[in-house]
Amino acid sequence: MNIFTIENGGDEICLTLEPVMDLTMAEKLRLSLLDCLAQNKTIKIITGKVERITTPCLQILLAGKNRTTEQHIDFLFPDMSDIFKDTVKDIGLQDHFAAVEQTL
């Protein structure tokens, strides 16, 4: 059972993250992201509701980004919460996520 909202339409798929993305959510995120990757469509990660995210979840997202690069699929973040952005910056991954940030 998928706990994340996944909207599959046209040539893109949107995965909306939960407000709390901690270690207990990491495996669920990994499996959901693998499901999205299997669709071979542009993946948009919606982080607008994220109030807390830990390093394991960011590592999974970064691995997903790397995988989409190999598969020539766009991987975008059209709606980053301030907390998401701050956490990415605090752990030094801003350069990795800056290239995929997209504003609506």
C-alpha atoms as a PDB file:
ATOM      1  CA  MET A   1       0.000   0.000   0.000  1.00  0.00           C
ATOM      2  CA  ASN A   2       1.398   3.342  -1.080  1.00  0.00           C
ATOM      3  CA  ILE A   3       1.184   6.116   1.513  1.00  0.00           C
ATOM      4  CA  PHE A   4       2.322   8.864  -0.835  1.00  0.00           C
ATOM      5  CA  THR A   5       0.076  10.673  -3.258  1.00  0.00           C
ATOM      6  CA  ILE A   6       1.124   9.743  -6.765  1.00  0.00           C
ATOM      7  CA  GLU A   7      -0.535  11.456  -9.700  1.00  0.00           C
ATOM      8  CA  ASN A   8       0.160   9.818 -13.036  1.00  0.00           C
ATOM      9  CA  GLY A   9      -0.856  11.848 -16.035  1.00  0.00           C
ATOM     10  CA  GLY A  10       0.340  12.439 -19.543  1.00  0.00           C
ATOM     11  CA  ASP A  11       4.104  12.420 -19.753  1.00  0.00           C
ATOM     12  CA  GLU A  12       4.787  13.049 -16.056  1.00  0.00           C
ATOM     13  CA  ILE A  13       4.252  11.537 -12.644  1.00  0.00           C
ATOM     14  CA  CYS A  14       4.049  13.556  -9.422  1.00  0.00           C
ATOM     15  CA  LEU A  15       5.053  12.136  -6.047  1.00  0.00           C
ATOM     16  CA  THR A  16       3.913  14.230  -3.084  1.00  0.00           C
ATOM     17  CA  LEU A  17       5.936  13.790   0.090  1.00  0.00           C
ATOM     18  CA  GLU A  18       4.419  13.660   3.564  1.00  0.00           C
ATOM     19  CA  PRO A  19       5.014  16.398   6.173  1.00  0.00           C
ATOM     20  CA  VAL A  20       7.343  14.143   8.193  1.00  0.00           C
ATOM     21  CA  MET A  21       9.952  12.331   6.121  1.00  0.00           C
ATOM     22  CA  ASP A  22      12.115  10.530   8.655  1.00  0.00           C
ATOM     23  CA  LEU A  23      13.844   7.157   8.843  1.00  0.00           C
ATOM     24  CA  THR A  24      10.517   5.347   9.214  1.00  0.00           C
ATOM     25  CA  MET A  25       9.484   6.715   5.813  1.00  0.00           C
ATOM     26  CA  ALA A  26      12.725   6.005   3.955  1.00  0.00           C
ATOM     27  CA  GLU A  27      11.896   2.502   2.714  1.00  0.00           C
ATOM     28  CA  LYS A  28       8.382   3.556   1.683  1.00  0.00           C
ATOM     29  CA  LEU A  29       9.884   6.479  -0.220  1.00  0.00           C
ATOM     30  CA  ARG A  30      12.408   4.201  -1.933  1.00  0.00           C
ATOM     31  CA  LEU A  31       9.695   1.793  -3.075  1.00  0.00           C
ATOM     32  CA  SER A  32       7.417   4.601  -4.274  1.00  0.00           C
ATOM     33  CA  LEU A  33      10.260   6.210  -6.166  1.00  0.00           C
ATOM     34  CA  LEU A  34      11.092   2.889  -7.836  1.00  0.00           C
ATOM     35  CA  ASP A  35       7.434   2.637  -8.916  1.00  0.00           C
ATOM     36  CA  CYS A  36       7.691   6.125 -10.410  1.00  0.00           C
ATOM     37  CA  LEU A  37      10.958   5.306 -12.182  1.00  0.00           C
ATOM     38  CA  ALA A  38       9.365   2.249 -13.779  1.00  0.00           C
ATOM     39  CA  GLN A  39       6.889   4.558 -15.561  1.00  0.00           C
ATOM     40  CA  ASN A  40       9.741   6.118 -17.571  1.00  0.00           C
ATOM     41  CA  LYS A  41       8.130   9.578 -17.353  1.00  0.00           C
ATOM     42  CA  THR A  42       9.222  12.948 -16.004  1.00  0.00           C
ATOM     43  CA  ILE A  43       9.142  12.727 -12.208  1.00  0.00           C
ATOM     44  CA  LYS A  44       8.091  15.700 -10.133  1.00  0.00           C
ATOM     45  CA  ILE A  45       8.698  15.503  -6.392  1.00  0.00           C
ATOM     46  CA  ILE A  46       6.325  17.758  -4.465  1.00  0.00           C
ATOM     47  CA  THR A  47       7.864  18.781  -1.130  1.00  0.00           C
ATOM     48  CA  GLY A  48       5.638  21.753  -0.295  1.00  0.00           C
ATOM     49  CA  LYS A  49       4.153  20.076   2.802  1.00  0.00           C
ATOM     50  CA  VAL A  50       7.466  18.788   4.177  1.00  0.00           C
ATOM     51  CA  GLU A  51       8.012  19.989   7.741  1.00  0.00           C
ATOM     52  CA  ARG A  52      10.863  17.613   8.558  1.00  0.00           C
ATOM     53  CA  ILE A  53      13.125  15.504   6.382  1.00  0.00           C
ATOM     54  CA  THR A  54      16.097  13.439   7.450  1.00  0.00           C
ATOM     55  CA  THR A  55      19.275  12.496   5.643  1.00  0.00           C
ATOM     56  CA  PRO A  56      18.172   8.965   4.618  1.00  0.00           C
ATOM     57  CA  CYS A  57      15.191  10.365   2.692  1.00  0.00           C
ATOM     58  CA  LEU A  58      17.373  12.985   1.018  1.00  0.00           C
ATOM     59  CA  GLN A  59      19.853  10.260   0.065  1.00  0.00           C
ATOM     60  CA  ILE A  60      17.036   8.273  -1.552  1.00  0.00           C
ATOM     61  CA  LEU A  61      15.887  11.336  -3.495  1.00  0.00           C
ATOM     62  CA  LEU A  62      19.445  12.005  -4.621  1.00  0.00           C
ATOM     63  CA  ALA A  63      19.829   8.382  -5.735  1.00  0.00           C
ATOM     64  CA  GLY A  64      16.544   8.741  -7.651  1.00  0.00           C
ATOM     65  CA  LYS A  65      17.843  11.891  -9.310  1.00  0.00           C
ATOM     66  CA  ASN A  66      21.007  10.054 -10.348  1.00  0.00           C
ATOM     67  CA  ARG A  67      18.975   7.148 -11.718  1.00  0.00           C
ATOM     68  CA  THR A  68      16.795   9.464 -13.810  1.00  0.00           C
ATOM     69  CA  THR A  69      19.932  11.017 -15.271  1.00  0.00           C
ATOM     70  CA  GLU A  70      21.050   7.542 -16.392  1.00  0.00           C
ATOM     71  CA  GLN A  71      17.599   6.857 -17.864  1.00  0.00           C
ATOM     72  CA  HIS A  72      17.375  10.330 -19.509  1.00  0.00           C
ATOM     73  CA  ILE A  73      14.254  11.202 -17.502  1.00  0.00           C
ATOM     74  CA  ASP A  74      13.595  14.664 -16.048  1.00  0.00           C
ATOM     75  CA  PHE A  75      13.517  14.769 -12.235  1.00  0.00           C
ATOM     76  CA  LEU A  76      12.098  18.023 -10.889  1.00  0.00           C
ATOM     77  CA  PHE A  77      11.131  19.677  -7.606  1.00  0.00           C
ATOM     78  CA  PRO A  78       8.436  22.213  -8.555  1.00  0.00           C
ATOM     79  CA  ASP A  79       7.307  22.941  -5.003  1.00  0.00           C
ATOM     80  CA  MET A  80      10.030  22.923  -2.314  1.00  0.00           C
ATOM     81  CA  SER A  81       9.110  23.888   1.224  1.00  0.00           C
ATOM     82  CA  ASP A  82      11.470  26.263   3.014  1.00  0.00           C
ATOM     83  CA  ILE A  83      12.286  23.524   5.515  1.00  0.00           C
ATOM     84  CA  PHE A  84      13.186  21.148   2.684  1.00  0.00           C
ATOM     85  CA  LYS A  85      15.467  23.776   1.136  1.00  0.00           C
ATOM     86  CA  ASP A  86      17.063  24.593   4.507  1.00  0.00           C
ATOM     87  CA  THR A  87      17.743  20.921   5.270  1.00  0.00           C
ATOM     88  CA  VAL A  88      19.291  20.366   1.845  1.00  0.00           C
ATOM     89  CA  LYS A  89      21.527  23.383   2.459  1.00  0.00           C
ATOM     90  CA  ASP A  90      22.394  22.349   6.039  1.00  0.00           C
ATOM     91  CA  ILE A  91      23.760  18.989   4.935  1.00  0.00           C
ATOM     92  CA  GLY A  92      25.573  20.428   1.923  1.00  0.00           C
ATOM     93  CA  LEU A  93      23.485  19.018  -0.932  1.00  0.00           C
ATOM     94  CA  GLN A  94      22.260  22.316  -2.366  1.00  0.00           C
ATOM     95  CA  ASP A  95      24.360  21.953  -5.527  1.00  0.00           C
ATOM     96  CA  HIS A  96      22.814  18.545  -6.208  1.00  0.00           C
ATOM     97  CA  PHE A  97      19.250  19.774  -5.784  1.00  0.00           C
ATOM     98  CA  ALA A  98      19.621  23.242  -7.324  1.00  0.00           C
ATOM     99  CA  ALA A  99      19.754  21.815 -10.834  1.00  0.00           C
ATOM    100  CA  VAL A 100      16.395  20.097 -10.419  1.00  0.00           C
ATOM    101  CA  GLU A 101      14.521  22.867  -8.621  1.00  0.00           C
ATOM    102  CA  GLN A 102      11.754  24.238 -10.773  1.00  0.00           C
ATOM    103  CA  THR A 103       9.439  27.075  -9.956  1.00  0.00           C
ATOM    104  CA  LEU A 104       5.833  27.007 -11.055  1.00  0.00           C
END
